[in-house]
Amino acid sequence: MIVVTGATGNIGRPLTQALAAAGEQVTAVSRHPAAVPEGVRHVAADLADPAGLEPVLDGAKALFLLLSGGLHAADADPAAIVGAAAAAGVRRIVLLSTQGVSTRPFGTTRIMMRGLEDTVRESGMEWAILRPGGFASNALWWAESVRTRQLVAAPFGDTGVPVIDPADIGEVAAATLTDGRFLGGVYTLTGPAVITPRRQTADIAAALGSPVRFQELTRAEAKAGMEQQGIPGELADDTLDIISAPNAEESQISPDVERVLGRAPRSFAQWAGRNIEAFR
């Protein structure tokens, strides 16, 4: 049995679907009740209470660990989840980390994540670490303004990074959870091309078949909006630091999605076409 945390999110949903389609027994964990694919067991649990995960982890062979926003806070203890998994006899763990661990290692949240990566490596379990860059699904922050005002409002309109489709992250996670060839690896996950917010706006408009305007926000305006979405201030600052001035490594296209999946990563235009109903 494979336990998937964050199972109802942008990564957890396609991961759970991929594992279920492959015939794996899956326990989907999220904080609130949610619909899951047929044959998948769902458990509502709070990752901030590792002791409460013991019944979930009992009998599991593998764990996908995705930290919710609260577990990025300074007083959180995500390492306790790793310890609970090892104590329960889980043999394999795949951690969703972040590319910033290697590209900007000294930010507060990235120091915490680097420590968690080390905990995973030293846990005694088989492991793999996924380090995605920016997510294509962050464009969903614009959905309401596109629906109501035909508008995308974002900072740094002409600065781009190679955002990745979360479905690709989910498929890579499924491969690392089930295929021993990928164990002991650290995988940087990006999309196939650098894309700016202005270009993303054009791709959304093309998928809609109607015009969408772009409005540039200040950094302060963007941070306030992220915090309203529940993103901790330090994590918001980390994200804004990257998207305002990506360094050479953050602008580079990684080969790791293709190395694991045997195909190129999906483009932002493909993501927009598949999710366009959110913008109508």
C-alpha atoms as a PDB file:
ATOM      1  CA  MET A   1       0.000   0.000   0.000  1.00  0.00           C
ATOM      2  CA  ILE A   2       1.220   3.500  -0.901  1.00  0.00           C
ATOM      3  CA  VAL A   3       0.282   6.510   1.223  1.00  0.00           C
ATOM      4  CA  VAL A   4      -0.077   9.804  -0.647  1.00  0.00           C
ATOM      5  CA  THR A   5      -0.185  13.003   1.413  1.00  0.00           C
ATOM      6  CA  GLY A   6      -1.674  16.127  -0.133  1.00  0.00           C
ATOM      7  CA  ALA A   7      -3.701  13.698  -2.197  1.00  0.00           C
ATOM      8  CA  THR A   8      -6.419  16.131  -3.255  1.00  0.00           C
ATOM      9  CA  GLY A   9      -4.085  18.871  -4.536  1.00  0.00           C
ATOM     10  CA  ASN A  10      -2.657  19.660  -7.946  1.00  0.00           C
ATOM     11  CA  ILE A  11       0.083  17.044  -7.578  1.00  0.00           C
ATOM     12  CA  GLY A  12      -1.617  14.522  -5.319  1.00  0.00           C
ATOM     13  CA  ARG A  13      -4.642  14.064  -7.572  1.00  0.00           C
ATOM     14  CA  PRO A  14      -2.732  12.978 -10.707  1.00  0.00           C
ATOM     15  CA  LEU A  15      -0.338  10.940  -8.561  1.00  0.00           C
ATOM     16  CA  THR A  16      -3.200   9.075  -6.902  1.00  0.00           C
ATOM     17  CA  GLN A  17      -4.847   8.498 -10.282  1.00  0.00           C
ATOM     18  CA  ALA A  18      -1.616   7.201 -11.804  1.00  0.00           C
ATOM     19  CA  LEU A  19      -0.996   4.793  -8.937  1.00  0.00           C
ATOM     20  CA  ALA A  20      -4.594   3.532  -8.937  1.00  0.00           C
ATOM     21  CA  ALA A  21      -4.497   3.037 -12.710  1.00  0.00           C
ATOM     22  CA  ALA A  22      -1.321   0.955 -12.272  1.00  0.00           C
ATOM     23  CA  GLY A  23      -3.163  -1.332  -9.852  1.00  0.00           C
ATOM     24  CA  GLU A  24      -1.483  -0.096  -6.678  1.00  0.00           C
ATOM     25  CA  GLN A  25      -3.323  -0.014  -3.368  1.00  0.00           C
ATOM     26  CA  VAL A  26      -3.434   3.641  -2.356  1.00  0.00           C
ATOM     27  CA  THR A  27      -4.372   5.538   0.786  1.00  0.00           C
ATOM     28  CA  ALA A  28      -5.056   9.181  -0.032  1.00  0.00           C
ATOM     29  CA  VAL A  29      -4.472  11.575   2.879  1.00  0.00           C
ATOM     30  CA  SER A  30      -5.778  15.126   3.104  1.00  0.00           C
ATOM     31  CA  ARG A  31      -6.989  17.408   5.864  1.00  0.00           C
ATOM     32  CA  HIS A  32     -10.596  17.330   4.700  1.00  0.00           C
ATOM     33  CA  PRO A  33     -12.888  14.683   3.187  1.00  0.00           C
ATOM     34  CA  ALA A  34     -12.637  14.541  -0.590  1.00  0.00           C
ATOM     35  CA  ALA A  35     -13.542  12.427  -3.600  1.00  0.00           C
ATOM     36  CA  VAL A  36     -10.844  10.003  -4.744  1.00  0.00           C
ATOM     37  CA  PRO A  37     -10.615   7.483  -7.619  1.00  0.00           C
ATOM     38  CA  GLU A  38     -12.546   4.249  -7.272  1.00  0.00           C
ATOM     39  CA  GLY A  39     -10.686   1.715  -5.168  1.00  0.00           C
ATOM     40  CA  VAL A  40      -8.613   4.346  -3.333  1.00  0.00           C
ATOM     41  CA  ARG A  41      -9.031   4.672   0.431  1.00  0.00           C
ATOM     42  CA  HIS A  42      -9.274   8.239   1.719  1.00  0.00           C
ATOM     43  CA  VAL A  43      -8.264   9.285   5.239  1.00  0.00           C
ATOM     44  CA  ALA A  44      -8.638  12.774   6.680  1.00  0.00           C
ATOM     45  CA  ALA A  45      -5.563  13.514   8.799  1.00  0.00           C
ATOM     46  CA  ASP A  46      -3.462  16.457   9.904  1.00  0.00           C
ATOM     47  CA  LEU A  47       0.236  16.118   9.043  1.00  0.00           C
ATOM     48  CA  ALA A  48       1.037  18.508  11.860  1.00  0.00           C
ATOM     49  CA  ASP A  49       0.119  15.637  14.227  1.00  0.00           C
ATOM     50  CA  PRO A  50       2.483  12.801  13.235  1.00  0.00           C
ATOM     51  CA  ALA A  51       1.112  10.556  15.983  1.00  0.00           C
ATOM     52  CA  GLY A  52      -2.246  10.691  14.245  1.00  0.00           C
ATOM     53  CA  LEU A  53      -0.647   9.245  11.125  1.00  0.00           C
ATOM     54  CA  GLU A  54       0.286   5.959  12.782  1.00  0.00           C
ATOM     55  CA  PRO A  55      -2.946   4.162  11.731  1.00  0.00           C
ATOM     56  CA  VAL A  56      -2.557   5.540   8.204  1.00  0.00           C
ATOM     57  CA  LEU A  57       1.032   4.316   7.876  1.00  0.00           C
ATOM     58  CA  ASP A  58       0.381   0.872   9.344  1.00  0.00           C
ATOM     59  CA  GLY A  59       1.078  -1.670   6.610  1.00  0.00           C
ATOM     60  CA  ALA A  60       2.276   0.912   4.068  1.00  0.00           C
ATOM     61  CA  LYS A  61       5.228   0.101   1.834  1.00  0.00           C
ATOM     62  CA  ALA A  62       5.801   3.637   0.526  1.00  0.00           C
ATOM     63  CA  LEU A  63       5.006   7.260   1.375  1.00  0.00           C
ATOM     64  CA  PHE A  64       4.775  10.353  -0.784  1.00  0.00           C
ATOM     65  CA  LEU A  65       5.424  13.352   1.455  1.00  0.00           C
ATOM     66  CA  LEU A  66       4.087  16.746   0.392  1.00  0.00           C
ATOM     67  CA  LEU A  67       4.154  19.521   2.986  1.00  0.00           C
ATOM     68  CA  SER A  68       1.134  21.788   3.257  1.00  0.00           C
ATOM     69  CA  GLY A  69       1.643  25.523   3.822  1.00  0.00           C
ATOM     70  CA  GLY A  70       1.574  25.262   7.616  1.00  0.00           C
ATOM     71  CA  LEU A  71       4.362  22.691   7.653  1.00  0.00           C
ATOM     72  CA  HIS A  72       6.676  25.265   6.061  1.00  0.00           C
ATOM     73  CA  ALA A  73       6.353  27.458   9.152  1.00  0.00           C
ATOM     74  CA  ALA A  74       9.352  27.988  11.427  1.00  0.00           C
ATOM     75  CA  ASP A  75       7.807  26.070  14.352  1.00  0.00           C
ATOM     76  CA  ALA A  76       6.722  23.058  12.277  1.00  0.00           C
ATOM     77  CA  ASP A  77       8.386  19.647  12.641  1.00  0.00           C
ATOM     78  CA  PRO A  78       7.979  17.748   9.358  1.00  0.00           C
ATOM     79  CA  ALA A  79      10.931  15.511  10.264  1.00  0.00           C
ATOM     80  CA  ALA A  80       8.598  13.840  12.771  1.00  0.00           C
ATOM     81  CA  ILE A  81       6.529  12.535   9.834  1.00  0.00           C
ATOM     82  CA  VAL A  82       9.622  10.865   8.392  1.00  0.00           C
ATOM     83  CA  GLY A  83      10.344   9.342  11.787  1.00  0.00           C
ATOM     84  CA  ALA A  84       6.776   8.080  12.093  1.00  0.00           C
ATOM     85  CA  ALA A  85       7.014   6.458   8.663  1.00  0.00           C
ATOM     86  CA  ALA A  86      10.276   4.711   9.480  1.00  0.00           C
ATOM     87  CA  ALA A  87       8.890   3.520  12.826  1.00  0.00           C
ATOM     88  CA  ALA A  88       5.830   2.117  11.057  1.00  0.00           C
ATOM     89  CA  GLY A  89       7.996   0.005   8.758  1.00  0.00           C
ATOM     90  CA  VAL A  90       7.517   2.048   5.592  1.00  0.00           C
ATOM     91  CA  ARG A  91      10.273   0.978   3.208  1.00  0.00           C
ATOM     92  CA  ARG A  92      10.294   3.807   0.666  1.00  0.00           C
ATOM     93  CA  ILE A  93       9.730   7.573   0.848  1.00  0.00           C
ATOM     94  CA  VAL A  94       9.523  10.172  -1.913  1.00  0.00           C
ATOM     95  CA  LEU A  95       9.782  13.786  -0.770  1.00  0.00           C
ATOM     96  CA  LEU A  96       8.452  16.752  -2.702  1.00  0.00           C
ATOM     97  CA  SER A  97      11.132  19.370  -2.096  1.00  0.00           C
ATOM     98  CA  THR A  98      11.880  22.493  -4.136  1.00  0.00           C
ATOM     99  CA  GLN A  99      14.439  23.548  -6.712  1.00  0.00           C
ATOM    100  CA  GLY A 100      15.330  26.471  -4.459  1.00  0.00           C
ATOM    101  CA  VAL A 101      17.168  24.089  -2.114  1.00  0.00           C
ATOM    102  CA  SER A 102      19.994  24.018  -4.655  1.00  0.00           C
ATOM    103  CA  THR A 103      19.568  27.385  -6.390  1.00  0.00           C
ATOM    104  CA  ARG A 104      19.052  29.600  -3.298  1.00  0.00           C
ATOM    105  CA  PRO A 105      20.105  27.470  -0.328  1.00  0.00           C
ATOM    106  CA  PHE A 106      20.160  30.162   2.356  1.00  0.00           C
ATOM    107  CA  GLY A 107      16.506  31.232   2.558  1.00  0.00           C
ATOM    108  CA  THR A 108      14.713  30.245   5.766  1.00  0.00           C
ATOM    109  CA  THR A 109      12.221  27.876   4.170  1.00  0.00           C
ATOM    110  CA  ARG A 110      14.916  26.312   1.989  1.00  0.00           C
ATOM    111  CA  ILE A 111      17.203  25.707   4.959  1.00  0.00           C
ATOM    112  CA  MET A 112      14.299  23.849   6.572  1.00  0.00           C
ATOM    113  CA  MET A 113      13.676  21.826   3.415  1.00  0.00           C
ATOM    114  CA  ARG A 114      17.373  20.986   3.064  1.00  0.00           C
ATOM    115  CA  GLY A 115      17.271  19.636   6.609  1.00  0.00           C
ATOM    116  CA  LEU A 116      14.222  17.555   5.749  1.00  0.00           C
ATOM    117  CA  GLU A 117      15.988  16.180   2.673  1.00  0.00           C
ATOM    118  CA  ASP A 118      18.878  15.128   4.925  1.00  0.00           C
ATOM    119  CA  THR A 119      16.413  13.493   7.323  1.00  0.00           C
ATOM    120  CA  VAL A 120      14.949  11.504   4.444  1.00  0.00           C
ATOM    121  CA  ARG A 121      18.394  10.394   3.255  1.00  0.00           C
ATOM    122  CA  GLU A 122      19.346   9.287   6.757  1.00  0.00           C
ATOM    123  CA  SER A 123      16.009   7.635   7.591  1.00  0.00           C
ATOM    124  CA  GLY A 124      17.031   4.102   6.672  1.00  0.00           C
ATOM    125  CA  MET A 125      14.264   3.968   4.076  1.00  0.00           C
ATOM    126  CA  GLU A 126      14.749   3.861   0.311  1.00  0.00           C
ATOM    127  CA  TRP A 127      14.246   7.373  -0.989  1.00  0.00           C
ATOM    128  CA  ALA A 128      13.945   9.787  -3.879  1.00  0.00           C
ATOM    129  CA  ILE A 129      13.698  13.586  -3.781  1.00  0.00           C
ATOM    130  CA  LEU A 130      11.784  15.706  -6.282  1.00  0.00           C
ATOM    131  CA  ARG A 131      12.750  19.359  -6.719  1.00  0.00           C
ATOM    132  CA  PRO A 132      10.253  21.122  -8.987  1.00  0.00           C
ATOM    133  CA  GLY A 133      10.556  24.745 -10.014  1.00  0.00           C
ATOM    134  CA  GLY A 134       7.528  26.975 -10.561  1.00  0.00           C
ATOM    135  CA  PHE A 135       4.139  25.315 -11.105  1.00  0.00           C
ATOM    136  CA  ALA A 136       1.947  25.938 -14.148  1.00  0.00           C
ATOM    137  CA  SER A 137      -1.032  25.607 -11.806  1.00  0.00           C
ATOM    138  CA  ASN A 138      -0.046  28.824 -10.022  1.00  0.00           C
ATOM    139  CA  ALA A 139      -1.898  30.435 -12.928  1.00  0.00           C
ATOM    140  CA  LEU A 140      -5.116  29.360 -11.195  1.00  0.00           C
ATOM    141  CA  TRP A 141      -4.598  32.388  -8.938  1.00  0.00           C
ATOM    142  CA  TRP A 142      -5.701  34.378 -11.996  1.00  0.00           C
ATOM    143  CA  ALA A 143      -8.833  32.345 -12.723  1.00  0.00           C
ATOM    144  CA  GLU A 144     -11.359  34.596 -11.010  1.00  0.00           C
ATOM    145  CA  SER A 145     -10.053  37.795 -12.608  1.00  0.00           C
ATOM    146  CA  VAL A 146     -10.018  36.116 -16.023  1.00  0.00           C
ATOM    147  CA  ARG A 147     -13.605  34.910 -15.544  1.00  0.00           C
ATOM    148  CA  THR A 148     -14.927  38.239 -14.285  1.00  0.00           C
ATOM    149  CA  ARG A 149     -12.702  40.862 -15.914  1.00  0.00           C
ATOM    150  CA  GLN A 150     -10.765  39.102 -18.711  1.00  0.00           C
ATOM    151  CA  LEU A 151      -7.638  40.138 -16.806  1.00  0.00           C
ATOM    152  CA  VAL A 152      -4.408  38.585 -15.527  1.00  0.00           C
ATOM    153  CA  ALA A 153      -2.688  40.648 -12.833  1.00  0.00           C
ATOM    154  CA  ALA A 154       0.835  39.487 -11.940  1.00  0.00           C
ATOM    155  CA  PRO A 155       4.283  40.860 -11.124  1.00  0.00           C
ATOM    156  CA  PHE A 156       7.382  40.724 -13.354  1.00  0.00           C
ATOM    157  CA  GLY A 157       5.419  40.293 -16.578  1.00  0.00           C
ATOM    158  CA  ASP A 158       8.408  39.845 -18.874  1.00  0.00           C
ATOM    159  CA  THR A 159      10.554  37.668 -16.612  1.00  0.00           C
ATOM    160  CA  GLY A 160      10.105  33.932 -17.080  1.00  0.00           C
ATOM    161  CA  VAL A 161      10.962  30.525 -15.667  1.00  0.00           C
ATOM    162  CA  PRO A 162      10.267  27.039 -17.090  1.00  0.00           C
ATOM    163  CA  VAL A 163       7.109  26.256 -15.105  1.00  0.00           C
ATOM    164  CA  ILE A 164       6.104  22.607 -14.822  1.00  0.00           C
ATOM    165  CA  ASP A 165       2.704  20.952 -15.168  1.00  0.00           C
ATOM    166  CA  PRO A 166       1.846  19.370 -11.778  1.00  0.00           C
ATOM    167  CA  ALA A 167       0.573  16.309 -13.649  1.00  0.00           C
ATOM    168  CA  ASP A 168       4.170  15.695 -14.733  1.00  0.00           C
ATOM    169  CA  ILE A 169       5.317  15.950 -11.121  1.00  0.00           C
ATOM    170  CA  GLY A 170       2.639  13.426 -10.170  1.00  0.00           C
ATOM    171  CA  GLU A 171       3.739  11.006 -12.875  1.00  0.00           C
ATOM    172  CA  VAL A 172       7.400  11.313 -11.867  1.00  0.00           C
ATOM    173  CA  ALA A 173       6.374  10.710  -8.254  1.00  0.00           C
ATOM    174  CA  ALA A 174       4.457   7.592  -9.280  1.00  0.00           C
ATOM    175  CA  ALA A 175       7.524   6.282 -11.101  1.00  0.00           C
ATOM    176  CA  THR A 176       9.847   6.883  -8.154  1.00  0.00           C
ATOM    177  CA  LEU A 177       7.389   5.278  -5.737  1.00  0.00           C
ATOM    178  CA  THR A 178       7.054   2.099  -7.787  1.00  0.00           C
ATOM    179  CA  ASP A 179      10.258   1.665  -9.815  1.00  0.00           C
ATOM    180  CA  GLY A 180      13.485   0.862  -7.984  1.00  0.00           C
ATOM    181  CA  ARG A 181      15.588   2.266 -10.837  1.00  0.00           C
ATOM    182  CA  PHE A 182      14.910   5.799  -9.636  1.00  0.00           C
ATOM    183  CA  LEU A 183      15.753   5.360  -5.962  1.00  0.00           C
ATOM    184  CA  GLY A 184      18.544   7.421  -4.436  1.00  0.00           C
ATOM    185  CA  GLY A 185      18.021  10.165  -7.013  1.00  0.00           C
ATOM    186  CA  VAL A 186      17.391  13.887  -6.706  1.00  0.00           C
ATOM    187  CA  TYR A 187      15.283  15.072  -9.645  1.00  0.00           C
ATOM    188  CA  THR A 188      14.974  18.684 -10.769  1.00  0.00           C
ATOM    189  CA  LEU A 189      11.623  19.051 -12.513  1.00  0.00           C
ATOM    190  CA  THR A 190      10.899  21.847 -14.985  1.00  0.00           C
ATOM    191  CA  GLY A 191       8.732  22.466 -17.998  1.00  0.00           C
ATOM    192  CA  PRO A 192      10.064  22.386 -21.571  1.00  0.00           C
ATOM    193  CA  ALA A 193      10.619  26.148 -22.021  1.00  0.00           C
ATOM    194  CA  VAL A 194      10.976  29.429 -20.183  1.00  0.00           C
ATOM    195  CA  ILE A 195       7.651  31.272 -20.180  1.00  0.00           C
ATOM    196  CA  THR A 196       6.744  34.733 -18.876  1.00  0.00           C
ATOM    197  CA  PRO A 197       3.454  35.742 -17.224  1.00  0.00           C
ATOM    198  CA  ARG A 198       2.641  37.824 -20.291  1.00  0.00           C
ATOM    199  CA  ARG A 199       3.115  34.755 -22.517  1.00  0.00           C
ATOM    200  CA  GLN A 200       1.055  32.642 -20.120  1.00  0.00           C
ATOM    201  CA  THR A 201      -1.716  35.209 -20.453  1.00  0.00           C
ATOM    202  CA  ALA A 202      -1.585  34.836 -24.226  1.00  0.00           C
ATOM    203  CA  ASP A 203      -1.770  31.037 -23.929  1.00  0.00           C
ATOM    204  CA  ILE A 204      -4.813  31.288 -21.654  1.00  0.00           C
ATOM    205  CA  ALA A 205      -6.457  33.673 -24.104  1.00  0.00           C
ATOM    206  CA  ALA A 206      -5.751  31.285 -26.983  1.00  0.00           C
ATOM    207  CA  ALA A 207      -7.279  28.385 -25.078  1.00  0.00           C
ATOM    208  CA  LEU A 208     -10.331  30.516 -24.234  1.00  0.00           C
ATOM    209  CA  GLY A 209     -10.681  31.844 -27.733  1.00  0.00           C
ATOM    210  CA  SER A 210     -11.151  35.381 -26.379  1.00  0.00           C
ATOM    211  CA  PRO A 211      -8.866  38.286 -25.367  1.00  0.00           C
ATOM    212  CA  VAL A 212      -7.310  38.508 -21.901  1.00  0.00           C
ATOM    213  CA  ARG A 213      -5.485  41.651 -20.739  1.00  0.00           C
ATOM    214  CA  PHE A 214      -2.288  41.626 -18.700  1.00  0.00           C
ATOM    215  CA  GLN A 215      -1.738  44.044 -15.773  1.00  0.00           C
ATOM    216  CA  GLU A 216       1.590  44.211 -13.962  1.00  0.00           C
ATOM    217  CA  LEU A 217       1.498  44.183 -10.140  1.00  0.00           C
ATOM    218  CA  THR A 218       4.105  45.552  -7.783  1.00  0.00           C
ATOM    219  CA  ARG A 219       5.944  43.078  -5.599  1.00  0.00           C
ATOM    220  CA  ALA A 220       4.050  44.278  -2.521  1.00  0.00           C
ATOM    221  CA  GLU A 221       0.709  43.794  -4.248  1.00  0.00           C
ATOM    222  CA  ALA A 222       1.722  40.307  -5.352  1.00  0.00           C
ATOM    223  CA  LYS A 223       2.857  39.300  -1.852  1.00  0.00           C
ATOM    224  CA  ALA A 224      -0.385  40.513  -0.301  1.00  0.00           C
ATOM    225  CA  GLY A 225      -2.360  38.435  -2.775  1.00  0.00           C
ATOM    226  CA  MET A 226      -0.283  35.317  -2.049  1.00  0.00           C
ATOM    227  CA  GLU A 227      -0.788  35.718   1.681  1.00  0.00           C
ATOM    228  CA  GLN A 228      -4.539  35.994   1.090  1.00  0.00           C
ATOM    229  CA  GLN A 229      -4.242  32.596  -0.629  1.00  0.00           C
ATOM    230  CA  GLY A 230      -2.780  31.178   2.612  1.00  0.00           C
ATOM    231  CA  ILE A 231       0.889  31.208   1.606  1.00  0.00           C
ATOM    232  CA  PRO A 232       3.168  32.096   4.558  1.00  0.00           C
ATOM    233  CA  GLY A 233       4.972  35.415   4.143  1.00  0.00           C
ATOM    234  CA  GLU A 234       8.483  33.907   4.078  1.00  0.00           C
ATOM    235  CA  LEU A 235       7.477  31.394   1.426  1.00  0.00           C
ATOM    236  CA  ALA A 236       5.848  34.171  -0.600  1.00  0.00           C
ATOM    237  CA  ASP A 237       9.071  36.203  -0.406  1.00  0.00           C
ATOM    238  CA  ASP A 238      11.117  33.184  -1.477  1.00  0.00           C
ATOM    239  CA  THR A 239       8.869  32.679  -4.497  1.00  0.00           C
ATOM    240  CA  LEU A 240       8.928  36.360  -5.454  1.00  0.00           C
ATOM    241  CA  ASP A 241      12.723  36.472  -5.152  1.00  0.00           C
ATOM    242  CA  ILE A 242      12.948  33.711  -7.740  1.00  0.00           C
ATOM    243  CA  ILE A 243      10.358  34.919 -10.231  1.00  0.00           C
ATOM    244  CA  SER A 244      11.644  38.502 -10.113  1.00  0.00           C
ATOM    245  CA  ALA A 245      15.241  37.590 -10.955  1.00  0.00           C
ATOM    246  CA  PRO A 246      15.764  33.897 -11.747  1.00  0.00           C
ATOM    247  CA  ASN A 247      19.388  32.864 -11.844  1.00  0.00           C
ATOM    248  CA  ALA A 248      20.964  30.761 -14.563  1.00  0.00           C
ATOM    249  CA  GLU A 249      20.098  27.453 -12.894  1.00  0.00           C
ATOM    250  CA  GLU A 250      16.470  28.504 -12.333  1.00  0.00           C
ATOM    251  CA  SER A 251      16.166  29.398 -16.025  1.00  0.00           C
ATOM    252  CA  GLN A 252      17.651  26.109 -17.206  1.00  0.00           C
ATOM    253  CA  ILE A 253      15.527  23.325 -18.698  1.00  0.00           C
ATOM    254  CA  SER A 254      16.094  20.105 -16.736  1.00  0.00           C
ATOM    255  CA  PRO A 255      16.190  16.736 -18.547  1.00  0.00           C
ATOM    256  CA  ASP A 256      14.879  14.841 -15.501  1.00  0.00           C
ATOM    257  CA  VAL A 257      11.186  14.598 -16.471  1.00  0.00           C
ATOM    258  CA  GLU A 258      12.155  13.024 -19.781  1.00  0.00           C
ATOM    259  CA  ARG A 259      14.776  10.841 -18.078  1.00  0.00           C
ATOM    260  CA  VAL A 260      12.135   9.345 -15.780  1.00  0.00           C
ATOM    261  CA  LEU A 261       9.048   9.331 -18.013  1.00  0.00           C
ATOM    262  CA  GLY A 262      10.647   8.810 -21.416  1.00  0.00           C
ATOM    263  CA  ARG A 263       8.900  11.862 -22.880  1.00  0.00           C
ATOM    264  CA  ALA A 264       9.243  15.631 -22.815  1.00  0.00           C
ATOM    265  CA  PRO A 265       7.411  17.591 -20.109  1.00  0.00           C
ATOM    266  CA  ARG A 266       4.080  19.167 -21.026  1.00  0.00           C
ATOM    267  CA  SER A 267       4.000  22.835 -22.063  1.00  0.00           C
ATOM    268  CA  PHE A 268       2.100  25.594 -20.295  1.00  0.00           C
ATOM    269  CA  ALA A 269      -0.204  25.823 -23.305  1.00  0.00           C
ATOM    270  CA  GLN A 270      -1.085  22.147 -22.830  1.00  0.00           C
ATOM    271  CA  TRP A 271      -1.783  22.752 -19.147  1.00  0.00           C
ATOM    272  CA  ALA A 272      -3.974  25.754 -19.989  1.00  0.00           C
ATOM    273  CA  GLY A 273      -5.944  23.797 -22.559  1.00  0.00           C
ATOM    274  CA  ARG A 274      -6.589  20.967 -20.112  1.00  0.00           C
ATOM    275  CA  ASN A 275      -7.669  23.334 -17.306  1.00  0.00           C
ATOM    276  CA  ILE A 276      -9.389  26.060 -19.291  1.00  0.00           C
ATOM    277  CA  GLU A 277     -12.803  25.495 -17.684  1.00  0.00           C
ATOM    278  CA  ALA A 278     -11.428  27.104 -14.518  1.00  0.00           C
ATOM    279  CA  PHE A 279     -11.032  30.358 -16.476  1.00  0.00           C
ATOM    280  CA  ARG A 280     -14.437  30.461 -18.213  1.00  0.00           C
END
